[in-house]
Structures are given as structure tokens and as C-alpha cells.
Amino acid sequence: MRQAASCAKLDSQNEENSLRSAQANLASAQATLTQARLTFGRQQELLKGGWTPRAKFDDAQEALRTAEAQVESAQAQLAHRRGSARLHGAPR
């Protein structure tokens, strides 16, 4: 009986750690997205004025798309982890 309780406690701790990791991944992805948006906006303005090469603008645009996809992925992962944590009784 003690062994089953220990396993359940470890399972709950693993779920909680997994949830925290997913939250941290989302925060990191959101920070990257913020930076990508700023860079893209700068490059967009510079391109309008002819002060930056098109390749730099294209790179900034691609970085923005990648960052948006990373946030979407991190949000999905967090939603999955929250659902899993609820099933196993870990705190949200």
C-alpha cells in the first residue's frame, strides 16, 4: 500500500513538473514572439524608406512566422499538460 502511494505521489510530481515546463516553454516562446514582432516592424519601416535590403526584411518576416508557430505549439502543449494534470490530480 505504501509503495502504491509513493508511486502516485511521484506520478503527481512528474505531472506537476511537466506542467511547469510547458508553462516555461510558453513564456519563452511568447518572449521570442515579442522580439520577432519588434524586429519585423523595424525592418518593415526600414524597407519602406529603402534603408534595408529585402533579404533582411524577408528574414524578419520568416522569424515572425516561426515565432508565431512556436507560441501556438507551446499553447497546445500547455493545454495538453493541463488536461493531463487534471486527470492525475496535480495542481493547475
N, C-alpha and C. Protein backbone atom coordinates (compact mmCIF):
# COMPACT_ATOMS: atom_id res chain seq x y z
N MET A 1 0.82 -1.19 0.00
CA MET A 1 0.00 0.00 0.00
C MET A 1 0.87 1.26 0.00
N ARG A 2 1.95 1.24 0.80
CA ARG A 2 2.85 2.40 0.85
C ARG A 2 3.52 2.62 -0.50
N GLN A 3 3.86 1.51 -1.16
CA GLN A 3 4.52 1.61 -2.46
C GLN A 3 3.57 2.25 -3.49
N ALA A 4 2.33 1.90 -3.47
CA ALA A 4 1.35 2.47 -4.40
C ALA A 4 1.18 3.97 -4.14
N ALA A 5 1.17 4.36 -2.87
CA ALA A 5 1.05 5.78 -2.52
C ALA A 5 2.28 6.54 -2.97
N SER A 6 3.45 5.92 -2.84
CA SER A 6 4.69 6.57 -3.28
C SER A 6 4.70 6.75 -4.79
N CYS A 7 4.23 5.76 -5.51
CA CYS A 7 4.17 5.84 -6.97
C CYS A 7 3.18 6.93 -7.40
N ALA A 8 2.06 7.00 -6.72
CA ALA A 8 1.06 8.01 -7.04
C ALA A 8 1.62 9.40 -6.78
N LYS A 9 2.36 9.54 -5.68
CA LYS A 9 2.96 10.84 -5.36
C LYS A 9 3.99 11.23 -6.41
N LEU A 10 4.81 10.28 -6.84
CA LEU A 10 5.80 10.55 -7.88
C LEU A 10 5.12 10.89 -9.20
N ASP A 11 4.05 10.18 -9.52
CA ASP A 11 3.30 10.46 -10.73
C ASP A 11 2.77 11.88 -10.71
N SER A 12 2.20 12.28 -9.59
CA SER A 12 1.66 13.63 -9.44
C SER A 12 2.78 14.67 -9.57
N GLN A 13 3.93 14.39 -8.97
CA GLN A 13 5.07 15.31 -9.04
C GLN A 13 5.57 15.42 -10.47
N ASN A 14 5.62 14.30 -11.18
CA ASN A 14 6.05 14.31 -12.59
C ASN A 14 5.09 15.15 -13.44
N GLU A 15 3.81 15.01 -13.20
CA GLU A 15 2.81 15.78 -13.94
C GLU A 15 2.97 17.27 -13.64
N GLU A 16 3.19 17.60 -12.37
CA GLU A 16 3.37 19.00 -11.99
C GLU A 16 4.63 19.58 -12.64
N ASN A 17 5.70 18.82 -12.65
CA ASN A 17 6.93 19.28 -13.28
C ASN A 17 6.74 19.45 -14.78
N SER A 18 6.01 18.56 -15.39
CA SER A 18 5.74 18.64 -16.81
C SER A 18 4.90 19.88 -17.12
N LEU A 19 3.94 20.17 -16.28
CA LEU A 19 3.10 21.36 -16.44
C LEU A 19 3.95 22.62 -16.31
N ARG A 20 4.80 22.67 -15.31
CA ARG A 20 5.67 23.85 -15.14
C ARG A 20 6.61 24.03 -16.32
N SER A 21 7.11 22.95 -16.84
CA SER A 21 7.98 23.02 -18.01
C SER A 21 7.22 23.57 -19.22
N ALA A 22 5.99 23.13 -19.41
CA ALA A 22 5.17 23.63 -20.52
C ALA A 22 4.87 25.11 -20.34
N GLN A 23 4.64 25.55 -19.11
CA GLN A 23 4.40 26.97 -18.84
C GLN A 23 5.65 27.79 -19.16
N ALA A 24 6.80 27.28 -18.79
CA ALA A 24 8.05 27.98 -19.08
C ALA A 24 8.31 28.04 -20.58
N ASN A 25 8.01 26.95 -21.28
CA ASN A 25 8.18 26.94 -22.74
C ASN A 25 7.29 27.98 -23.41
N LEU A 26 6.06 28.12 -22.91
CA LEU A 26 5.15 29.11 -23.47
C LEU A 26 5.67 30.52 -23.21
N ALA A 27 6.13 30.77 -22.00
CA ALA A 27 6.66 32.10 -21.69
C ALA A 27 7.86 32.44 -22.58
N SER A 28 8.71 31.48 -22.80
CA SER A 28 9.87 31.68 -23.66
C SER A 28 9.45 31.95 -25.10
N ALA A 29 8.49 31.18 -25.59
CA ALA A 29 8.01 31.36 -26.96
C ALA A 29 7.34 32.73 -27.12
N GLN A 30 6.62 33.17 -26.10
CA GLN A 30 5.97 34.49 -26.16
C GLN A 30 7.02 35.61 -26.18
N ALA A 31 8.07 35.46 -25.42
CA ALA A 31 9.15 36.46 -25.42
C ALA A 31 9.82 36.51 -26.79
N THR A 32 10.05 35.35 -27.38
CA THR A 32 10.64 35.30 -28.71
C THR A 32 9.71 35.96 -29.73
N LEU A 33 8.42 35.73 -29.59
CA LEU A 33 7.44 36.34 -30.50
C LEU A 33 7.45 37.87 -30.36
N THR A 34 7.51 38.35 -29.15
CA THR A 34 7.57 39.80 -28.94
C THR A 34 8.78 40.41 -29.64
N GLN A 35 9.92 39.77 -29.49
CA GLN A 35 11.14 40.26 -30.13
C GLN A 35 11.01 40.19 -31.65
N ALA A 36 10.44 39.11 -32.16
CA ALA A 36 10.28 38.96 -33.60
C ALA A 36 9.33 40.02 -34.17
N ARG A 37 8.28 40.35 -33.43
CA ARG A 37 7.36 41.39 -33.87
C ARG A 37 8.05 42.75 -33.95
N LEU A 38 8.85 43.04 -32.94
CA LEU A 38 9.59 44.31 -32.92
C LEU A 38 10.57 44.38 -34.09
N THR A 39 11.30 43.31 -34.30
CA THR A 39 12.27 43.27 -35.39
C THR A 39 11.57 43.40 -36.74
N PHE A 40 10.48 42.69 -36.91
CA PHE A 40 9.73 42.76 -38.16
C PHE A 40 9.22 44.18 -38.41
N GLY A 41 8.66 44.79 -37.38
CA GLY A 41 8.16 46.16 -37.52
C GLY A 41 9.26 47.14 -37.92
N ARG A 42 10.43 46.98 -37.31
CA ARG A 42 11.57 47.83 -37.65
C ARG A 42 11.98 47.62 -39.10
N GLN A 43 12.10 46.35 -39.49
CA GLN A 43 12.52 46.05 -40.85
C GLN A 43 11.48 46.53 -41.87
N GLN A 44 10.23 46.46 -41.51
CA GLN A 44 9.16 46.91 -42.40
C GLN A 44 9.29 48.41 -42.65
N GLU A 45 9.50 49.17 -41.60
CA GLU A 45 9.67 50.62 -41.74
C GLU A 45 10.94 50.96 -42.52
N LEU A 46 12.01 50.24 -42.23
CA LEU A 46 13.26 50.49 -42.94
C LEU A 46 13.14 50.15 -44.43
N LEU A 47 12.39 49.09 -44.73
CA LEU A 47 12.20 48.69 -46.12
C LEU A 47 11.41 49.76 -46.88
N LYS A 48 10.38 50.31 -46.23
CA LYS A 48 9.59 51.37 -46.86
C LYS A 48 10.45 52.56 -47.25
N GLY A 49 11.42 52.87 -46.41
CA GLY A 49 12.30 54.00 -46.68
C GLY A 49 13.50 53.64 -47.54
N GLY A 50 13.61 52.38 -47.90
CA GLY A 50 14.74 51.95 -48.71
C GLY A 50 16.04 51.83 -47.93
N TRP A 51 15.94 51.66 -46.61
CA TRP A 51 17.13 51.64 -45.76
C TRP A 51 17.60 50.24 -45.37
N THR A 52 16.90 49.24 -45.84
CA THR A 52 17.30 47.87 -45.51
C THR A 52 17.12 46.99 -46.75
N PRO A 53 17.95 46.00 -46.91
CA PRO A 53 17.76 45.10 -48.06
C PRO A 53 16.53 44.21 -47.87
N ARG A 54 15.93 43.83 -48.97
CA ARG A 54 14.74 42.98 -48.94
C ARG A 54 15.02 41.66 -48.20
N ALA A 55 16.24 41.16 -48.31
CA ALA A 55 16.60 39.89 -47.66
C ALA A 55 16.48 40.00 -46.14
N LYS A 56 16.85 41.14 -45.57
CA LYS A 56 16.72 41.31 -44.11
C LYS A 56 15.26 41.37 -43.70
N PHE A 57 14.46 42.03 -44.51
CA PHE A 57 13.02 42.07 -44.25
C PHE A 57 12.43 40.66 -44.32
N ASP A 58 12.81 39.92 -45.36
CA ASP A 58 12.31 38.55 -45.52
C ASP A 58 12.72 37.67 -44.33
N ASP A 59 13.95 37.83 -43.85
CA ASP A 59 14.41 37.08 -42.68
C ASP A 59 13.57 37.41 -41.45
N ALA A 60 13.28 38.70 -41.28
CA ALA A 60 12.47 39.12 -40.13
C ALA A 60 11.05 38.58 -40.23
N GLN A 61 10.53 38.56 -41.44
CA GLN A 61 9.18 38.03 -41.65
C GLN A 61 9.14 36.53 -41.35
N GLU A 62 10.14 35.81 -41.79
CA GLU A 62 10.21 34.37 -41.53
C GLU A 62 10.38 34.10 -40.03
N ALA A 63 11.19 34.90 -39.37
CA ALA A 63 11.38 34.74 -37.92
C ALA A 63 10.07 34.98 -37.18
N LEU A 64 9.29 35.94 -37.66
CA LEU A 64 7.99 36.22 -37.06
C LEU A 64 7.05 35.03 -37.23
N ARG A 65 6.99 34.49 -38.42
CA ARG A 65 6.13 33.31 -38.67
C ARG A 65 6.55 32.12 -37.81
N THR A 66 7.84 31.92 -37.70
CA THR A 66 8.35 30.82 -36.87
C THR A 66 7.98 31.03 -35.42
N ALA A 67 8.15 32.25 -34.92
CA ALA A 67 7.82 32.55 -33.53
C ALA A 67 6.33 32.36 -33.26
N GLU A 68 5.49 32.75 -34.22
CA GLU A 68 4.05 32.55 -34.06
C GLU A 68 3.72 31.06 -33.97
N ALA A 69 4.35 30.27 -34.80
CA ALA A 69 4.12 28.82 -34.78
C ALA A 69 4.60 28.21 -33.46
N GLN A 70 5.72 28.71 -32.94
CA GLN A 70 6.23 28.20 -31.67
C GLN A 70 5.28 28.51 -30.52
N VAL A 71 4.68 29.69 -30.54
CA VAL A 71 3.70 30.04 -29.50
C VAL A 71 2.49 29.12 -29.60
N GLU A 72 2.00 28.91 -30.81
CA GLU A 72 0.85 28.02 -30.99
C GLU A 72 1.16 26.61 -30.49
N SER A 73 2.34 26.13 -30.80
CA SER A 73 2.75 24.80 -30.35
C SER A 73 2.86 24.75 -28.82
N ALA A 74 3.45 25.77 -28.23
CA ALA A 74 3.61 25.81 -26.78
C ALA A 74 2.24 25.91 -26.08
N GLN A 75 1.31 26.65 -26.69
CA GLN A 75 -0.04 26.74 -26.12
C GLN A 75 -0.74 25.38 -26.16
N ALA A 76 -0.59 24.69 -27.26
CA ALA A 76 -1.20 23.35 -27.38
C ALA A 76 -0.58 22.39 -26.38
N GLN A 77 0.73 22.46 -26.24
CA GLN A 77 1.42 21.58 -25.29
C GLN A 77 0.95 21.87 -23.86
N LEU A 78 0.82 23.14 -23.53
CA LEU A 78 0.36 23.52 -22.19
C LEU A 78 -1.07 23.04 -21.96
N ALA A 79 -1.93 23.20 -22.94
CA ALA A 79 -3.32 22.73 -22.80
C ALA A 79 -3.35 21.23 -22.58
N HIS A 80 -2.52 20.51 -23.31
CA HIS A 80 -2.44 19.05 -23.14
C HIS A 80 -1.95 18.71 -21.73
N ARG A 81 -0.92 19.40 -21.27
CA ARG A 81 -0.37 19.13 -19.94
C ARG A 81 -1.38 19.46 -18.84
N ARG A 82 -2.13 20.55 -19.02
CA ARG A 82 -3.15 20.91 -18.03
C ARG A 82 -4.22 19.82 -17.95
N GLY A 83 -4.62 19.33 -19.10
CA GLY A 83 -5.62 18.26 -19.12
C GLY A 83 -5.09 17.01 -18.46
N SER A 84 -3.86 16.69 -18.75
CA SER A 84 -3.23 15.50 -18.16
C SER A 84 -3.07 15.68 -16.64
N ALA A 85 -2.69 16.87 -16.22
CA ALA A 85 -2.50 17.14 -14.79
C ALA A 85 -3.84 17.01 -14.04
N ARG A 86 -4.92 17.48 -14.67
CA ARG A 86 -6.23 17.36 -14.03
C ARG A 86 -6.62 15.90 -13.85
N LEU A 87 -6.30 15.10 -14.86
CA LEU A 87 -6.64 13.67 -14.76
C LEU A 87 -5.87 12.98 -13.63
N HIS A 88 -4.67 13.45 -13.39
CA HIS A 88 -3.82 12.83 -12.37
C HIS A 88 -3.86 13.56 -11.03
N GLY A 89 -4.68 14.60 -10.93
CA GLY A 89 -4.85 15.28 -9.65
C GLY A 89 -3.75 16.25 -9.30
N ALA A 90 -2.90 16.63 -10.24
CA ALA A 90 -1.85 17.61 -9.95
C ALA A 90 -2.46 19.00 -9.95
N PRO A 91 -1.87 19.93 -9.21
CA PRO A 91 -2.38 21.31 -9.20
C PRO A 91 -2.23 21.96 -10.58
N ARG A 92 -3.08 22.93 -10.88
CA ARG A 92 -3.02 23.60 -12.18
C ARG A 92 -2.10 24.73 -12.11
